[in-house]
PDB file of N, CA and C in Angstrom:
ATOM      1  N   MET A   1     152.741 135.506  73.995  1.00  0.00           N
ATOM      2  CA  MET A   1     152.016 136.601  74.612  1.00  0.00           C
ATOM      3  C   MET A   1     150.545 136.551  74.202  1.00  0.00           C
ATOM      4  N   LEU A   2     150.305 136.230  72.937  1.00  0.00           N
ATOM      5  CA  LEU A   2     148.929 136.149  72.460  1.00  0.00           C
ATOM      6  C   LEU A   2     148.162 135.047  73.179  1.00  0.00           C
ATOM      7  N   LEU A   3     148.841 133.941  73.433  1.00  0.00           N
ATOM      8  CA  LEU A   3     148.218 132.834  74.157  1.00  0.00           C
ATOM      9  C   LEU A   3     147.831 133.265  75.564  1.00  0.00           C
ATOM     10  N   ALA A   4     148.672 134.061  76.208  1.00  0.00           N
ATOM     11  CA  ALA A   4     148.384 134.542  77.560  1.00  0.00           C
ATOM     12  C   ALA A   4     147.169 135.457  77.587  1.00  0.00           C
ATOM     13  N   ILE A   5     146.912 136.148  76.503  1.00  0.00           N
ATOM     14  CA  ILE A   5     145.765 137.054  76.452  1.00  0.00           C
ATOM     15  C   ILE A   5     144.482 136.301  76.079  1.00  0.00           C
ATOM     16  N   LEU A   6     144.569 135.435  75.084  1.00  0.00           N
ATOM     17  CA  LEU A   6     143.370 134.742  74.598  1.00  0.00           C
ATOM     18  C   LEU A   6     142.964 133.560  75.472  1.00  0.00           C
ATOM     19  N   LEU A   7     143.931 132.767  75.892  1.00  0.00           N
ATOM     20  CA  LEU A   7     143.661 131.590  76.729  1.00  0.00           C
ATOM     21  C   LEU A   7     144.628 131.593  77.918  1.00  0.00           C
ATOM     22  N   PRO A   8     144.347 132.435  78.901  1.00  0.00           N
ATOM     23  CA  PRO A   8     145.287 132.590  80.020  1.00  0.00           C
ATOM     24  C   PRO A   8     145.621 131.279  80.730  1.00  0.00           C
ATOM     25  N   PHE A   9     144.618 130.425  80.955  1.00  0.00           N
ATOM     26  CA  PHE A   9     144.874 129.182  81.672  1.00  0.00           C
ATOM     27  C   PHE A   9     145.838 128.281  80.904  1.00  0.00           C
ATOM     28  N   LEU A  10     145.732 128.284  79.589  1.00  0.00           N
ATOM     29  CA  LEU A  10     146.594 127.455  78.759  1.00  0.00           C
ATOM     30  C   LEU A  10     148.036 127.952  78.786  1.00  0.00           C
ATOM     31  N   SER A  11     148.203 129.241  78.941  1.00  0.00           N
ATOM     32  CA  SER A  11     149.540 129.819  79.050  1.00  0.00           C
ATOM     33  C   SER A  11     150.270 129.254  80.271  1.00  0.00           C
ATOM     34  N   PHE A  12     149.553 129.124  81.382  1.00  0.00           N
ATOM     35  CA  PHE A  12     150.150 128.541  82.582  1.00  0.00           C
ATOM     36  C   PHE A  12     150.435 127.054  82.388  1.00  0.00           C
ATOM     37  N   MET A  13     149.494 126.347  81.781  1.00  0.00           N
ATOM     38  CA  MET A  13     149.645 124.908  81.576  1.00  0.00           C
ATOM     39  C   MET A  13     150.865 124.594  80.702  1.00  0.00           C
ATOM     40  N   VAL A  14     151.060 125.372  79.650  1.00  0.00           N
ATOM     41  CA  VAL A  14     152.180 125.143  78.738  1.00  0.00           C
ATOM     42  C   VAL A  14     153.517 125.344  79.454  1.00  0.00           C
ATOM     43  N   ARG A  15     153.550 126.262  80.411  1.00  0.00           N
ATOM     44  CA  ARG A  15     154.777 126.532  81.148  1.00  0.00           C
ATOM     45  C   ARG A  15     154.973 125.594  82.334  1.00  0.00           C
ATOM     46  N   GLY A  16     154.070 124.612  82.491  1.00  0.00           N
ATOM     47  CA  GLY A  16     154.233 123.608  83.533  1.00  0.00           C
ATOM     48  C   GLY A  16     153.644 123.973  84.875  1.00  0.00           C
ATOM     49  N   LYS A  17     152.848 125.001  84.927  1.00  0.00           N
ATOM     50  CA  LYS A  17     152.219 125.418  86.180  1.00  0.00           C
ATOM     51  C   LYS A  17     150.755 124.958  86.156  1.00  0.00           C
ATOM     52  N   ILE A  18     150.569 123.664  86.407  1.00  0.00           N
ATOM     53  CA  ILE A  18     149.268 123.037  86.256  1.00  0.00           C
ATOM     54  C   ILE A  18     148.251 123.568  87.269  1.00  0.00           C
ATOM     55  N   LEU A  19     148.609 123.603  88.546  1.00  0.00           N
ATOM     56  CA  LEU A  19     147.675 124.064  89.576  1.00  0.00           C
ATOM     57  C   LEU A  19     147.286 125.523  89.342  1.00  0.00           C
ATOM     58  N   THR A  20     148.257 126.342  88.999  1.00  0.00           N
ATOM     59  CA  THR A  20     147.974 127.752  88.700  1.00  0.00           C
ATOM     60  C   THR A  20     147.061 127.858  87.485  1.00  0.00           C
ATOM     61  N   GLY A  21     147.274 126.997  86.490  1.00  0.00           N
ATOM     62  CA  GLY A  21     146.418 126.982  85.301  1.00  0.00           C
ATOM     63  C   GLY A  21     144.982 126.625  85.635  1.00  0.00           C
ATOM     64  N   ILE A  22     144.797 125.679  86.550  1.00  0.00           N
ATOM     65  CA  ILE A  22     143.436 125.293  86.948  1.00  0.00           C
ATOM     66  C   ILE A  22     142.750 126.438  87.687  1.00  0.00           C
ATOM     67  N   ILE A  23     143.478 127.090  88.583  1.00  0.00           N
ATOM     68  CA  ILE A  23     142.914 128.239  89.303  1.00  0.00           C
ATOM     69  C   ILE A  23     142.564 129.352  88.320  1.00  0.00           C
ATOM     70  N   CYS A  24     143.431 129.575  87.356  1.00  0.00           N
ATOM     71  CA  CYS A  24     143.180 130.602  86.341  1.00  0.00           C
ATOM     72  C   CYS A  24     141.961 130.240  85.495  1.00  0.00           C
ATOM     73  N   LEU A  25     141.798 128.960  85.175  1.00  0.00           N
ATOM     74  CA  LEU A  25     140.639 128.514  84.395  1.00  0.00           C
ATOM     75  C   LEU A  25     139.349 128.774  85.154  1.00  0.00           C
ATOM     76  N   ILE A  26     139.353 128.513  86.456  1.00  0.00           N
ATOM     77  CA  ILE A  26     138.165 128.775  87.273  1.00  0.00           C
ATOM     78  C   ILE A  26     137.841 130.263  87.246  1.00  0.00           C
ATOM     79  N   LEU A  27     138.853 131.103  87.343  1.00  0.00           N
ATOM     80  CA  LEU A  27     138.644 132.555  87.266  1.00  0.00           C
ATOM     81  C   LEU A  27     138.172 132.961  85.873  1.00  0.00           C
ATOM     82  N   GLN A  28     138.727 132.321  84.872  1.00  0.00           N
ATOM     83  CA  GLN A  28     138.441 132.671  83.483  1.00  0.00           C
ATOM     84  C   GLN A  28     137.033 132.276  83.043  1.00  0.00           C
ATOM     85  N   ILE A  29     136.442 131.293  83.708  1.00  0.00           N
ATOM     86  CA  ILE A  29     135.118 130.808  83.313  1.00  0.00           C
ATOM     87  C   ILE A  29     134.085 131.936  83.338  1.00  0.00           C
ATOM     88  N   THR A  30     134.210 132.845  84.298  1.00  0.00           N
ATOM     89  CA  THR A  30     133.284 133.967  84.335  1.00  0.00           C
ATOM     90  C   THR A  30     133.754 135.025  83.344  1.00  0.00           C
ATOM     91  N   LEU A  31     132.832 135.694  82.731  1.00  0.00           N
ATOM     92  CA  LEU A  31     133.174 136.709  81.739  1.00  0.00           C
ATOM     93  C   LEU A  31     133.943 137.864  82.380  1.00  0.00           C
ATOM     94  N   ILE A  32     133.549 138.239  83.593  1.00  0.00           N
ATOM     95  CA  ILE A  32     134.220 139.332  84.285  1.00  0.00           C
ATOM     96  C   ILE A  32     135.632 138.905  84.704  1.00  0.00           C
ATOM     97  N   GLY A  33     135.809 137.619  85.022  1.00  0.00           N
ATOM     98  CA  GLY A  33     137.103 137.124  85.467  1.00  0.00           C
ATOM     99  C   GLY A  33     138.119 136.962  84.358  1.00  0.00           C
ATOM    100  N   TRP A  34     137.667 137.021  83.111  1.00  0.00           N
ATOM    101  CA  TRP A  34     138.577 136.819  81.981  1.00  0.00           C
ATOM    102  C   TRP A  34     139.667 137.890  81.944  1.00  0.00           C
ATOM    103  N   ILE A  35     139.290 139.122  82.177  1.00  0.00           N
ATOM    104  CA  ILE A  35     140.258 140.229  82.124  1.00  0.00           C
ATOM    105  C   ILE A  35     141.315 140.087  83.219  1.00  0.00           C
ATOM    106  N   PRO A  36     140.939 139.858  84.490  1.00  0.00           N
ATOM    107  CA  PRO A  36     141.989 139.648  85.494  1.00  0.00           C
ATOM    108  C   PRO A  36     142.848 138.414  85.214  1.00  0.00           C
ATOM    109  N   ALA A  37     142.241 137.363  84.675  1.00  0.00           N
ATOM    110  CA  ALA A  37     143.005 136.152  84.346  1.00  0.00           C
ATOM    111  C   ALA A  37     144.026 136.444  83.249  1.00  0.00           C
ATOM    112  N   ALA A  38     143.631 137.211  82.252  1.00  0.00           N
ATOM    113  CA  ALA A  38     144.548 137.563  81.163  1.00  0.00           C
ATOM    114  C   ALA A  38     145.674 138.450  81.675  1.00  0.00           C
ATOM    115  N   ILE A  39     145.349 139.400  82.526  1.00  0.00           N
ATOM    116  CA  ILE A  39     146.380 140.277  83.098  1.00  0.00           C
ATOM    117  C   ILE A  39     147.350 139.464  83.942  1.00  0.00           C
ATOM    118  N   TRP A  40     146.814 138.546  84.743  1.00  0.00           N
ATOM    119  CA  TRP A  40     147.635 137.686  85.590  1.00  0.00           C
ATOM    120  C   TRP A  40     148.594 136.847  84.736  1.00  0.00           C
ATOM    121  N   ALA A  41     148.082 136.277  83.657  1.00  0.00           N
ATOM    122  CA  ALA A  41     148.914 135.442  82.787  1.00  0.00           C
ATOM    123  C   ALA A  41     150.010 136.256  82.097  1.00  0.00           C
ATOM    124  N   VAL A  42     149.681 137.441  81.639  1.00  0.00           N
ATOM    125  CA  VAL A  42     150.674 138.293  80.967  1.00  0.00           C
ATOM    126  C   VAL A  42     151.758 138.735  81.951  1.00  0.00           C
ATOM    127  N   LEU A  43     151.356 139.143  83.148  1.00  0.00           N
ATOM    128  CA  LEU A  43     152.340 139.561  84.152  1.00  0.00           C
ATOM    129  C   LEU A  43     153.230 138.395  84.567  1.00  0.00           C
ATOM    130  N   SER A  44     152.642 137.224  84.712  1.00  0.00           N
ATOM    131  CA  SER A  44     153.418 136.039  85.071  1.00  0.00           C
ATOM    132  C   SER A  44     154.421 135.692  83.976  1.00  0.00           C
ATOM    133  N   LEU A  45     153.995 135.780  82.733  1.00  0.00           N
ATOM    134  CA  LEU A  45     154.890 135.508  81.607  1.00  0.00           C
ATOM    135  C   LEU A  45     156.043 136.508  81.568  1.00  0.00           C
ATOM    136  N   ASN A  46     155.732 137.781  81.762  1.00  0.00           N
ATOM    137  CA  ASN A  46     156.776 138.812  81.765  1.00  0.00           C
ATOM    138  C   ASN A  46     157.761 138.609  82.916  1.00  0.00           C
ATOM    139  N   ASN A  47     157.255 138.226  84.093  1.00  0.00           N
ATOM    140  CA  ASN A  47     158.138 137.971  85.231  1.00  0.00           C
ATOM    141  C   ASN A  47     159.048 136.780  84.961  1.00  0.00           C
ATOM    142  N   GLU A  48     158.512 135.739  84.362  1.00  0.00           N
ATOM    143  CA  GLU A  48     159.324 134.567  84.053  1.00  0.00           C
ATOM    144  C   GLU A  48     160.418 134.902  83.046  1.00  0.00           C
ATOM    145  N   ARG A  49     160.086 135.702  82.047  1.00  0.00           N
ATOM    146  CA  ARG A  49     161.089 136.112  81.059  1.00  0.00           C
ATOM    147  C   ARG A  49     162.169 136.981  81.701  1.00  0.00           C
ATOM    148  N   ALA A  50     161.777 137.859  82.621  1.00  0.00           N
ATOM    149  CA  ALA A  50     162.744 138.718  83.312  1.00  0.00           C
ATOM    150  C   ALA A  50     163.679 137.876  84.185  1.00  0.00           C
ATOM    151  N   GLU A  51     163.131 136.866  84.858  1.00  0.00           N
ATOM    152  CA  GLU A  51     163.969 135.986  85.673  1.00  0.00           C
ATOM    153  C   GLU A  51     164.971 135.228  84.804  1.00  0.00           C
ATOM    154  N   ASP A  52     164.535 134.778  83.637  1.00  0.00           N
ATOM    155  CA  ASP A  52     165.450 134.090  82.716  1.00  0.00           C
ATOM    156  C   ASP A  52     166.577 135.007  82.264  1.00  0.00           C
ATOM    157  N   ARG A  53     166.234 136.261  81.942  1.00  0.00           N
ATOM    158  CA  ARG A  53     167.258 137.223  81.538  1.00  0.00           C
ATOM    159  C   ARG A  53     168.250 137.474  82.674  1.00  0.00           C
ATOM    160  N   ASN A  54     167.732 137.629  83.891  1.00  0.00           N
ATOM    161  CA  ASN A  54     168.605 137.861  85.043  1.00  0.00           C
ATOM    162  C   ASN A  54     169.525 136.673  85.292  1.00  0.00           C
ATOM    163  N   ASP A  55     169.003 135.459  85.179  1.00  0.00           N
ATOM    164  CA  ASP A  55     169.824 134.271  85.372  1.00  0.00           C
ATOM    165  C   ASP A  55     170.948 134.196  84.341  1.00  0.00           C
ATOM    166  N   LYS A  56     170.628 134.518  83.090  1.00  0.00           N
ATOM    167  CA  LYS A  56     171.655 134.517  82.044  1.00  0.00           C
ATOM    168  C   LYS A  56     172.710 135.584  82.307  1.00  0.00           C
ATOM    169  N   LEU A  57     172.279 136.742  82.761  1.00  0.00           N
ATOM    170  CA  LEU A  57     173.206 137.828  83.063  1.00  0.00           C
ATOM    171  C   LEU A  57     174.126 137.463  84.223  1.00  0.00           C
ATOM    172  N   ILE A  58     173.568 136.872  85.259  1.00  0.00           N
ATOM    173  CA  ILE A  58     174.375 136.458  86.413  1.00  0.00           C
ATOM    174  C   ILE A  58     175.373 135.399  85.997  1.00  0.00           C
ATOM    175  N   LYS A  59     174.943 134.446  85.184  1.00  0.00           N
ATOM    176  CA  LYS A  59     175.838 133.397  84.706  1.00  0.00           C
ATOM    177  C   LYS A  59     176.972 133.993  83.876  1.00  0.00           C
ATOM    178  N   ALA A  60     176.643 134.939  83.009  1.00  0.00           N
ATOM    179  CA  ALA A  60     177.660 135.570  82.168  1.00  0.00           C
ATOM    180  C   ALA A  60     178.663 136.346  83.016  1.00  0.00           C
ATOM    181  N   MET A  61     178.177 137.004  84.070  1.00  0.00           N
ATOM    182  CA  MET A  61     179.074 137.760  84.944  1.00  0.00           C
ATOM    183  C   MET A  61     180.002 136.818  85.712  1.00  0.00           C
ATOM    184  N   ARG A  62     179.463 135.695  86.174  1.00  0.00           N
ATOM    185  CA  ARG A  62     180.296 134.732  86.897  1.00  0.00           C
ATOM    186  C   ARG A  62     181.342 134.114  85.979  1.00  0.00           C
ATOM    187  N   ASP A  63     180.946 133.809  84.749  1.00  0.00           N
ATOM    188  CA  ASP A  63     181.893 133.243  83.787  1.00  0.00           C
ATOM    189  C   ASP A  63     182.965 134.256  83.415  1.00  0.00           C
ATOM    190  N   ASN A  64     182.616 135.525  83.414  1.00  0.00           N
ATOM    191  CA  ASN A  64     183.542 136.589  83.046  1.00  0.00           C
ATOM    192  C   ASN A  64     184.576 136.825  84.140  1.00  0.00           C
ATOM    193  N   GLU A  65     184.223 136.532  85.396  1.00  0.00           N
ATOM    194  CA  GLU A  65     185.142 136.741  86.517  1.00  0.00           C
ATOM    195  C   GLU A  65     186.281 135.744  86.468  1.00  0.00           C
ATOM    196  N   ARG A  66     186.061 134.607  85.940  1.00  0.00           N
ATOM    197  CA  ARG A  66     187.077 133.539  85.919  1.00  0.00           C
ATOM    198  C   ARG A  66     188.069 133.781  84.889  1.00  0.00           C
TER     199      ARG A  66
END
């Protein structure tokens, strides 16, 4: 989470989203763009974590049905 706030573009790069990281870096280069870039990275990270939780829950429910 700290990485997403301090270096938003790097947060995307580490997660394998290279093109998104480059776009975020371009936004981040401007001082005013840093705040939207950080918000974008944090929201993206939270969404990815929520999707992972949902996938695990769905898998557990399917395994429980058997």
